[in-house]
N, C-alpha and C. Protein backbone atom coordinates (compact mmCIF):
# COMPACT_ATOMS: atom_id res chain seq x y z
N UNK A 1 -71.65 123.35 -122.37
CA UNK A 1 -71.01 125.40 -122.60
C UNK A 1 -68.89 124.99 -122.66
N UNK A 2 -68.53 125.82 -122.97
CA UNK A 2 -66.76 125.52 -123.37
C UNK A 2 -66.12 125.97 -121.82
N UNK A 3 -64.92 125.04 -121.84
CA UNK A 3 -64.62 125.61 -120.66
C UNK A 3 -62.92 125.02 -120.93
N UNK A 4 -62.05 125.25 -119.97
CA UNK A 4 -60.63 124.68 -120.71
C UNK A 4 -60.33 123.48 -119.47
N UNK A 5 -59.62 122.90 -120.22
CA UNK A 5 -59.19 121.51 -119.31
C UNK A 5 -57.72 121.53 -119.21
N UNK A 6 -57.41 122.21 -118.21
CA UNK A 6 -55.81 121.89 -117.67
C UNK A 6 -55.58 120.69 -116.68
N UNK A 7 -54.57 119.65 -117.94
CA UNK A 7 -54.85 118.10 -117.50
C UNK A 7 -53.35 118.00 -116.55
N UNK A 8 -52.91 116.91 -115.32
CA UNK A 8 -51.81 117.19 -114.87
C UNK A 8 -50.43 117.34 -116.09
N UNK A 9 -50.58 116.57 -117.19
CA UNK A 9 -49.38 116.58 -118.03
C UNK A 9 -50.43 116.50 -119.36
N UNK A 10 -49.32 117.78 -119.71
CA UNK A 10 -49.63 118.08 -121.36
C UNK A 10 -50.10 119.56 -121.31
N UNK A 11 -50.80 120.05 -122.59
CA UNK A 11 -51.77 121.03 -122.69
C UNK A 11 -52.48 121.62 -122.49
N UNK A 12 -53.26 122.39 -122.07
CA UNK A 12 -54.20 122.87 -121.64
C UNK A 12 -55.44 122.98 -122.98
N UNK A 13 -56.71 122.39 -123.14
CA UNK A 13 -57.37 121.93 -124.62
C UNK A 13 -59.21 122.70 -124.32
N UNK A 14 -59.42 122.89 -125.25
CA UNK A 14 -60.78 123.99 -125.21
C UNK A 14 -61.70 122.72 -124.95
N UNK A 15 -62.08 122.38 -123.65
CA UNK A 15 -63.79 121.32 -123.78
C UNK A 15 -65.14 121.83 -123.67
N UNK A 16 -66.22 120.77 -124.13
CA UNK A 16 -67.54 121.18 -123.49
C UNK A 16 -67.94 120.74 -122.32
N UNK A 17 -67.85 121.08 -121.82
CA UNK A 17 -68.95 120.39 -120.44
C UNK A 17 -70.67 121.05 -120.14
N UNK A 18 -70.78 120.18 -119.58
CA UNK A 18 -72.12 120.43 -119.34
C UNK A 18 -72.70 120.14 -117.88
N UNK A 19 -72.33 120.67 -116.90
CA UNK A 19 -72.98 120.80 -115.94
C UNK A 19 -71.82 119.74 -114.59
N UNK A 20 -72.36 119.32 -113.43
CA UNK A 20 -71.48 118.94 -112.86
C UNK A 20 -70.98 117.86 -113.19
N UNK A 21 -71.93 116.57 -114.01
CA UNK A 21 -71.47 115.39 -113.52
C UNK A 21 -69.95 115.42 -115.20
N UNK A 22 -70.28 116.57 -115.99
CA UNK A 22 -68.95 116.42 -116.73
C UNK A 22 -67.65 117.25 -115.62
N UNK A 23 -68.14 118.15 -114.70
CA UNK A 23 -67.05 118.55 -114.10
C UNK A 23 -66.55 117.52 -113.47
N UNK A 24 -67.22 117.00 -112.95
CA UNK A 24 -66.66 115.75 -111.79
C UNK A 24 -65.55 114.28 -112.80
N UNK A 25 -66.39 114.41 -114.51
CA UNK A 25 -65.39 113.33 -114.87
C UNK A 25 -64.06 114.09 -115.72
N UNK A 26 -64.46 115.41 -115.55
CA UNK A 26 -62.60 115.99 -116.14
C UNK A 26 -61.90 116.05 -115.02
N UNK A 27 -62.07 116.12 -113.51
CA UNK A 27 -61.18 116.58 -112.95
C UNK A 27 -61.13 114.95 -111.69
N UNK A 28 -61.71 114.38 -112.53
CA UNK A 28 -61.83 112.55 -111.57
C UNK A 28 -62.24 112.75 -109.67
N UNK A 29 -63.46 113.20 -109.68
CA UNK A 29 -64.20 113.09 -109.07
C UNK A 29 -64.66 114.48 -108.00
N UNK A 30 -65.06 114.43 -107.03
CA UNK A 30 -66.20 115.76 -106.48
C UNK A 30 -65.29 117.34 -106.54
N UNK A 31 -65.75 117.89 -107.36
CA UNK A 31 -65.19 119.08 -107.42
C UNK A 31 -65.49 120.10 -106.24
N UNK A 32 -64.23 121.28 -105.99
CA UNK A 32 -64.22 122.45 -105.57
C UNK A 32 -63.90 123.30 -106.50
N UNK A 33 -64.62 124.50 -106.03
CA UNK A 33 -64.91 125.72 -107.21
C UNK A 33 -63.11 126.78 -106.45
N UNK A 34 -62.86 127.45 -107.08
CA UNK A 34 -61.57 128.11 -106.28
C UNK A 34 -61.65 129.43 -107.28
N UNK A 35 -61.91 130.36 -106.49
CA UNK A 35 -61.62 131.92 -107.71
C UNK A 35 -60.28 131.96 -108.47
N UNK A 36 -60.31 132.49 -109.42
CA UNK A 36 -59.22 132.64 -110.50
C UNK A 36 -58.94 134.56 -109.86
N UNK A 37 -57.67 134.31 -109.35
CA UNK A 37 -57.12 135.86 -108.79
C UNK A 37 -57.41 136.82 -110.01
N UNK A 38 -57.99 138.01 -109.24
CA UNK A 38 -58.74 139.21 -109.95
C UNK A 38 -59.69 138.80 -111.15
N UNK A 39 -60.33 137.66 -110.70
CA UNK A 39 -61.56 137.48 -112.15
C UNK A 39 -62.82 137.49 -111.56
N UNK A 40 -64.45 138.07 -111.53
CA UNK A 40 -65.73 136.86 -110.89
C UNK A 40 -66.06 136.50 -112.31
N UNK A 41 -65.34 136.19 -113.53
CA UNK A 41 -66.21 135.83 -114.58
C UNK A 41 -66.28 134.36 -114.85
N UNK A 42 -65.20 134.08 -114.23
CA UNK A 42 -64.61 132.41 -113.97
C UNK A 42 -63.97 132.34 -113.23
N UNK A 43 -63.88 130.86 -112.99
CA UNK A 43 -63.84 129.77 -111.57
C UNK A 43 -62.87 129.01 -112.24
N UNK A 44 -62.35 128.33 -111.35
CA UNK A 44 -61.37 126.99 -111.68
C UNK A 44 -62.31 126.22 -110.64
N UNK A 45 -62.49 124.91 -111.61
CA UNK A 45 -62.68 123.47 -110.37
C UNK A 45 -61.84 122.86 -110.85
N UNK A 46 -61.49 122.54 -109.25
CA UNK A 46 -60.61 121.18 -109.06
C UNK A 46 -61.00 120.12 -108.15
N UNK A 47 -60.32 118.53 -108.17
CA UNK A 47 -61.42 117.74 -107.50
C UNK A 47 -60.64 118.26 -105.88
N UNK A 48 -61.85 118.01 -105.18
CA UNK A 48 -61.65 118.88 -103.81
C UNK A 48 -60.58 117.47 -103.11
N UNK A 49 -60.48 116.44 -103.41
CA UNK A 49 -59.38 115.82 -103.07
C UNK A 49 -57.54 116.01 -103.39
N UNK A 50 -57.58 116.89 -104.39
CA UNK A 50 -56.37 116.80 -104.90
C UNK A 50 -55.62 117.41 -104.64
N UNK A 51 -55.77 118.30 -103.81
CA UNK A 51 -54.45 118.92 -102.40
C UNK A 51 -53.78 117.77 -102.28
N UNK A 52 -54.67 116.58 -101.46
CA UNK A 52 -53.63 115.57 -100.91
C UNK A 52 -52.99 114.67 -102.35
N UNK A 53 -53.35 115.36 -103.38
CA UNK A 53 -52.69 114.26 -104.35
C UNK A 53 -50.77 114.31 -104.32
N UNK A 54 -50.46 113.29 -104.81
CA UNK A 54 -48.69 113.33 -104.17
C UNK A 54 -47.68 113.90 -104.93
N UNK A 55 -48.48 114.58 -106.32
CA UNK A 55 -47.68 115.31 -107.22
C UNK A 55 -48.34 116.57 -107.77
N UNK A 56 -47.98 117.52 -107.26
CA UNK A 56 -49.15 118.87 -107.68
C UNK A 56 -48.84 119.19 -108.56
N UNK A 57 -50.04 119.90 -109.25
CA UNK A 57 -49.91 120.42 -110.74
C UNK A 57 -49.58 121.60 -111.03
N UNK A 58 -48.27 121.71 -111.67
CA UNK A 58 -47.58 123.13 -111.37
C UNK A 58 -48.28 124.02 -112.18
N UNK A 59 -48.82 123.34 -113.10
CA UNK A 59 -49.76 124.26 -114.17
C UNK A 59 -51.51 125.20 -113.46
N UNK A 60 -51.89 124.30 -112.92
CA UNK A 60 -52.79 124.79 -112.57
C UNK A 60 -52.57 125.84 -110.70
N UNK A 61 -51.32 124.72 -110.57
CA UNK A 61 -50.84 126.03 -109.10
C UNK A 61 -50.32 127.43 -109.99
N UNK A 62 -49.54 127.26 -111.04
CA UNK A 62 -49.27 128.42 -111.30
C UNK A 62 -50.38 129.47 -111.91
N UNK A 63 -51.48 128.83 -112.40
CA UNK A 63 -52.38 129.81 -112.75
C UNK A 63 -53.39 130.58 -111.53
N UNK A 64 -53.64 129.53 -110.56
CA UNK A 64 -54.80 129.31 -109.48
C UNK A 64 -53.53 131.01 -108.39
N UNK A 65 -52.41 131.11 -108.58
CA UNK A 65 -51.49 131.87 -107.39
C UNK A 65 -51.49 131.36 -106.43
N UNK A 66 -50.47 132.13 -105.38
CA UNK A 66 -50.24 131.81 -104.07
C UNK A 66 -51.71 131.72 -103.05
N UNK A 67 -51.26 130.69 -102.55
CA UNK A 67 -52.62 130.56 -101.36
C UNK A 67 -51.93 131.28 -100.01
N UNK A 68 -53.16 132.04 -99.35
CA UNK A 68 -52.75 132.28 -98.23
C UNK A 68 -52.57 131.40 -97.14
N UNK A 69 -51.89 129.95 -97.56
CA UNK A 69 -51.86 128.53 -96.74
C UNK A 69 -50.42 128.14 -96.64
N UNK A 70 -49.57 128.24 -96.39
CA UNK A 70 -48.15 127.78 -96.04
C UNK A 70 -48.24 126.15 -97.25
N UNK A 71 -47.68 126.31 -97.77
CA UNK A 71 -47.46 125.08 -98.59
C UNK A 71 -48.22 124.16 -99.43
N UNK A 72 -49.69 125.24 -99.51
CA UNK A 72 -50.33 124.87 -100.48
C UNK A 72 -50.53 124.57 -101.76
N UNK A 73 -51.04 123.60 -102.54
CA UNK A 73 -50.72 123.67 -104.23
C UNK A 73 -52.31 122.72 -104.13
N UNK A 74 -52.15 122.74 -105.62
CA UNK A 74 -53.41 122.25 -106.28
C UNK A 74 -52.64 121.05 -107.20
N UNK A 75 -53.18 120.21 -106.81
CA UNK A 75 -52.82 118.70 -107.70
C UNK A 75 -54.17 118.47 -108.62
N UNK A 76 -53.73 117.35 -109.86
CA UNK A 76 -54.71 116.97 -110.25
C UNK A 76 -55.50 117.55 -111.74
N UNK A 77 -56.09 117.23 -112.42
CA UNK A 77 -56.55 118.56 -113.67
C UNK A 77 -57.53 119.29 -112.73
N UNK A 78 -57.17 120.13 -113.27
CA UNK A 78 -58.39 121.91 -113.35
C UNK A 78 -59.19 121.66 -114.80
N UNK A 79 -60.23 122.44 -114.50
CA UNK A 79 -61.13 123.45 -115.48
C UNK A 79 -62.00 124.25 -114.96
N UNK A 80 -61.48 125.13 -116.06
CA UNK A 80 -61.77 126.90 -116.10
C UNK A 80 -63.02 126.55 -117.04
N UNK A 81 -63.80 128.00 -115.98
CA UNK A 81 -65.13 128.08 -117.08
C UNK A 81 -65.71 128.93 -116.65
N UNK A 82 -66.52 129.77 -117.44
CA UNK A 82 -67.15 131.30 -117.21
C UNK A 82 -67.98 130.65 -115.91
N UNK A 83 -68.50 131.78 -114.82
CA UNK A 83 -69.67 131.63 -113.83
C UNK A 83 -70.31 132.96 -113.50
N UNK A 84 -71.23 132.72 -113.01
CA UNK A 84 -72.21 134.50 -112.48
C UNK A 84 -71.59 134.09 -111.34
N UNK A 85 -70.99 135.58 -110.92
CA UNK A 85 -70.75 135.79 -109.45
C UNK A 85 -71.90 136.10 -108.44
N UNK A 86 -72.89 136.29 -109.12
CA UNK A 86 -74.07 136.32 -107.96
C UNK A 86 -74.96 135.32 -108.09
N UNK A 87 -74.95 134.70 -108.57
CA UNK A 87 -75.67 133.43 -108.65
C UNK A 87 -74.92 132.30 -108.16
N UNK A 88 -74.13 132.27 -108.83
CA UNK A 88 -72.98 130.67 -109.48
C UNK A 88 -73.09 129.96 -110.20
N UNK A 89 -74.16 130.54 -111.28
CA UNK A 89 -74.16 129.50 -111.90
C UNK A 89 -73.29 129.81 -113.64
N UNK A 90 -73.67 128.46 -114.30
CA UNK A 90 -72.54 128.55 -115.51
C UNK A 90 -72.61 129.68 -116.07
N UNK A 91 -71.64 130.17 -116.65
CA UNK A 91 -71.95 131.23 -118.24
C UNK A 91 -70.77 130.48 -119.13
N UNK A 92 -71.01 130.95 -120.34
CA UNK A 92 -69.95 131.05 -121.52
C UNK A 92 -68.73 131.48 -120.89
N UNK A 93 -67.84 130.52 -121.16
CA UNK A 93 -65.87 130.83 -120.82
C UNK A 93 -65.91 132.11 -121.54
N UNK A 94 -65.59 133.55 -121.10
CA UNK A 94 -64.70 134.23 -121.26
C UNK A 94 -63.69 134.50 -122.20
N UNK A 95 -64.05 135.43 -123.18
CA UNK A 95 -63.22 135.18 -124.81
C UNK A 95 -61.54 135.20 -124.17
N UNK A 96 -61.28 135.91 -123.12
CA UNK A 96 -59.93 136.69 -122.81
C UNK A 96 -58.73 135.29 -122.26
N UNK A 97 -60.03 134.26 -121.67
CA UNK A 97 -59.56 133.62 -120.81
C UNK A 97 -58.22 132.32 -121.18
N UNK A 98 -58.28 131.92 -122.58
CA UNK A 98 -57.61 131.32 -123.39
C UNK A 98 -56.68 131.71 -123.62
N UNK A 99 -56.08 132.84 -123.88
CA UNK A 99 -55.12 134.00 -124.31
C UNK A 99 -54.44 134.30 -123.32
N UNK A 100 -55.19 134.32 -121.96
CA UNK A 100 -54.40 134.98 -120.55
C UNK A 100 -53.67 133.49 -120.18
N UNK A 101 -53.65 132.48 -120.40
CA UNK A 101 -52.94 131.18 -120.22
C UNK A 101 -51.60 130.92 -120.53
N UNK A 102 -51.71 131.76 -121.60
CA UNK A 102 -49.75 131.79 -122.15
C UNK A 102 -49.59 132.54 -121.50
N UNK A 103 -49.87 133.76 -120.56
CA UNK A 103 -49.45 135.02 -120.21
C UNK A 103 -49.22 134.06 -118.87
N UNK A 104 -49.20 133.00 -118.12
CA UNK A 104 -48.96 132.63 -116.86
C UNK A 104 -47.83 131.37 -116.91
N UNK A 105 -47.38 131.30 -117.84
CA UNK A 105 -45.90 130.45 -118.14
C UNK A 105 -46.27 129.18 -119.22
N UNK A 106 -47.66 128.77 -119.24
CA UNK A 106 -47.89 127.79 -119.95
C UNK A 106 -48.29 128.19 -121.11
N UNK A 107 -48.11 127.36 -122.48
CA UNK A 107 -48.63 127.50 -123.64
C UNK A 107 -49.96 126.90 -123.96
N UNK A 108 -50.89 127.39 -124.35
CA UNK A 108 -51.98 127.15 -124.52
C UNK A 108 -52.22 126.19 -126.18
């Protein structure tokens, strides 16, 4: 299924992902899902240890919004994928997601 990879450096890109192994490969390790603010049809996957990365990923931090925890940030690459909120299963990427990336201060 299509997803969006937001690398640590560079522009977001449309990718194909097929399950856990692909998600882990794209984020460089075990994944953690992070809800996208205001969305129930998509989720961000980050490396579960990315929060300990020495350099925060500004693009992912901006996209995912403010954390309720002081000083919290997102480090490393991030994958945005469609999700079924009731089951947690993968769905096709919502069509409006690529366009919405440009409204968060990041060119797609």
